[in-house]
Amino acid sequence: MNASDLMTEDPMTLPVTAKVKDAVAILRTLEFRHIPIVGSANELLGMVSDRDLRSARAADLEARIVEIMSADVMSVGPEADATEVIDLMVDTRVGAVPVVDQDGGGLVGIISYIDVLRHLRNALSTEDDEE
């Protein structure tokens, strides 16, 4: 199984020019906890988590997202082994890993712990159905 089997394709992103308040609005509206920050060519520049946003003070809402994003983001390619992705998430204690096209460098997906759990649940349900 590869990263591409687990990932959510074309995740919601924010441009590097976005403001903190834009990320807050998205996370309040949608049910996820991580937003990749991308450049004009869809290249991954960083990530913002709900934890990053909770630590931003109200006065910071007009600040640019680059001021609070994590720029040193680990990513994987679509062909990365799923167990390696899970090990990366566990070892580094991150809740999501961006999936980046190894050729062009563009963001193609994201794998969150929810994606991993959903896949596991489906696999277990299939096993139960076969018994």
Protein backbone atom coordinates (compact mmCIF):
# COMPACT_ATOMS: atom_id res chain seq x y z
CA MET A 1 0.00 0.00 0.00
CA ASN A 2 1.28 3.46 -0.91
CA ALA A 3 0.72 6.98 0.36
CA SER A 4 -1.55 7.57 -2.62
CA ASP A 5 -3.89 4.87 -1.27
CA LEU A 6 -4.31 6.74 2.03
CA MET A 7 -4.20 10.38 1.03
CA THR A 8 -6.95 12.90 0.58
CA GLU A 9 -6.40 14.29 -2.90
CA ASP A 10 -6.34 18.01 -3.66
CA PRO A 11 -6.59 19.21 -0.05
CA MET A 12 -7.75 22.66 0.89
CA THR A 13 -4.75 24.98 0.86
CA LEU A 14 -3.96 28.60 1.53
CA PRO A 15 -1.59 30.79 -0.45
CA VAL A 16 1.49 32.12 1.26
CA THR A 17 -0.09 35.59 1.08
CA ALA A 18 -3.07 34.58 3.26
CA LYS A 19 -3.71 36.05 6.67
CA VAL A 20 -4.11 34.18 9.94
CA LYS A 21 -7.81 35.08 10.01
CA ASP A 22 -8.27 33.21 6.69
CA ALA A 23 -6.96 30.00 8.25
CA VAL A 24 -9.09 30.49 11.36
CA ALA A 25 -12.22 30.88 9.21
CA ILE A 26 -11.46 27.70 7.25
CA LEU A 27 -10.79 25.57 10.31
CA ARG A 28 -13.96 26.82 12.01
CA THR A 29 -16.02 25.91 8.96
CA LEU A 30 -14.47 22.62 7.83
CA GLU A 31 -13.67 19.47 9.75
CA PHE A 32 -9.90 19.19 9.51
CA ARG A 33 -6.93 20.36 11.52
CA HIS A 34 -4.12 21.07 9.05
CA ILE A 35 -3.82 23.44 6.13
CA PRO A 36 -0.92 23.25 3.69
CA ILE A 37 0.49 26.63 2.68
CA VAL A 38 1.48 26.77 -0.98
CA GLY A 39 3.24 29.11 -3.39
CA SER A 40 2.02 30.24 -6.80
CA ALA A 41 3.05 26.96 -8.46
CA ASN A 42 1.27 24.86 -5.79
CA GLU A 43 4.63 24.07 -4.18
CA LEU A 44 4.48 23.23 -0.50
CA LEU A 45 5.94 26.04 1.62
CA GLY A 46 4.59 25.16 5.04
CA MET A 47 1.74 23.90 7.19
CA VAL A 48 -0.58 25.48 9.72
CA SER A 49 -2.35 23.39 12.32
CA ASP A 50 -5.26 24.17 14.58
CA ARG A 51 -2.72 24.19 17.42
CA ASP A 52 -0.73 26.93 15.67
CA LEU A 53 -3.90 28.96 15.30
CA ARG A 54 -4.98 28.49 18.91
CA SER A 55 -1.67 29.95 20.02
CA ALA A 56 -2.10 33.01 17.79
CA ARG A 57 -3.45 35.93 19.79
CA ALA A 58 -6.48 37.87 18.58
CA ALA A 59 -4.18 40.73 17.60
CA ASP A 60 -2.35 38.33 15.27
CA LEU A 61 -5.41 37.66 13.09
CA GLU A 62 -4.32 40.29 10.57
CA ALA A 63 -0.79 38.87 10.45
CA ARG A 64 0.38 36.95 7.41
CA ILE A 65 0.15 33.18 7.69
CA VAL A 66 3.91 32.84 7.12
CA GLU A 67 4.44 34.30 10.57
CA ILE A 68 2.89 31.31 12.33
CA MET A 69 3.23 28.44 9.84
CA SER A 70 5.71 25.62 10.25
CA ALA A 71 8.12 25.97 7.34
CA ASP A 72 10.19 22.87 8.06
CA VAL A 73 7.56 20.37 6.93
CA MET A 74 8.26 16.71 6.26
CA SER A 75 6.51 15.38 3.18
CA VAL A 76 6.33 12.13 1.25
CA GLY A 77 5.83 11.18 -2.37
CA PRO A 78 2.72 9.37 -3.62
CA GLU A 79 4.68 6.11 -3.95
CA ALA A 80 5.98 6.15 -0.35
CA ASP A 81 5.15 2.98 1.55
CA ALA A 82 2.16 3.47 3.85
CA THR A 83 3.97 1.95 6.83
CA GLU A 84 6.80 4.47 6.38
CA VAL A 85 4.25 7.30 6.39
CA ILE A 86 2.66 5.97 9.56
CA ASP A 87 6.07 5.54 11.21
CA LEU A 88 6.91 9.14 10.26
CA MET A 89 3.69 10.40 11.81
CA VAL A 90 4.23 8.42 15.02
CA ASP A 91 7.95 9.17 15.37
CA THR A 92 7.56 12.91 14.78
CA ARG A 93 4.17 13.20 16.52
CA VAL A 94 2.49 15.01 13.65
CA GLY A 95 -1.14 14.62 12.74
CA ALA A 96 -0.75 15.06 9.01
CA VAL A 97 1.85 14.62 6.28
CA PRO A 98 1.64 16.40 2.91
CA VAL A 99 2.06 14.30 -0.23
CA VAL A 100 4.17 16.04 -2.86
CA ASP A 101 4.72 15.06 -6.48
CA GLN A 102 8.36 14.02 -6.65
CA ASP A 103 8.76 15.26 -10.24
CA GLY A 104 7.17 18.70 -10.13
CA GLY A 105 7.17 19.35 -6.39
CA GLY A 106 3.49 20.27 -6.32
CA LEU A 107 1.17 19.29 -3.50
CA VAL A 108 -1.06 16.38 -4.57
CA GLY A 109 -2.58 15.30 -1.27
CA ILE A 110 -2.37 15.05 2.49
CA ILE A 111 -2.50 12.10 4.86
CA SER A 112 -3.93 12.74 8.29
CA TYR A 113 -4.29 10.34 11.16
CA ILE A 114 -8.01 10.33 10.33
CA ASP A 115 -7.22 9.01 6.83
CA VAL A 116 -5.13 6.22 8.36
CA LEU A 117 -7.85 5.31 10.86
CA ARG A 118 -10.55 5.40 8.17
CA HIS A 119 -8.53 3.04 5.98
CA LEU A 120 -7.92 0.69 8.91
CA ARG A 121 -11.62 0.69 9.81
CA ASN A 122 -12.54 -0.18 6.22
CA ALA A 123 -9.96 -2.98 6.15
CA LEU A 124 -11.28 -4.39 9.42
CA SER A 125 -14.87 -4.19 8.17
CA THR A 126 -13.86 -6.12 5.06
CA GLU A 127 -12.23 -8.81 7.22
CA ASP A 128 -15.39 -9.08 9.34
CA ASP A 129 -17.53 -9.45 6.20
CA GLU A 130 -15.34 -12.30 4.95
CA GLU A 131 -15.75 -14.36 8.12
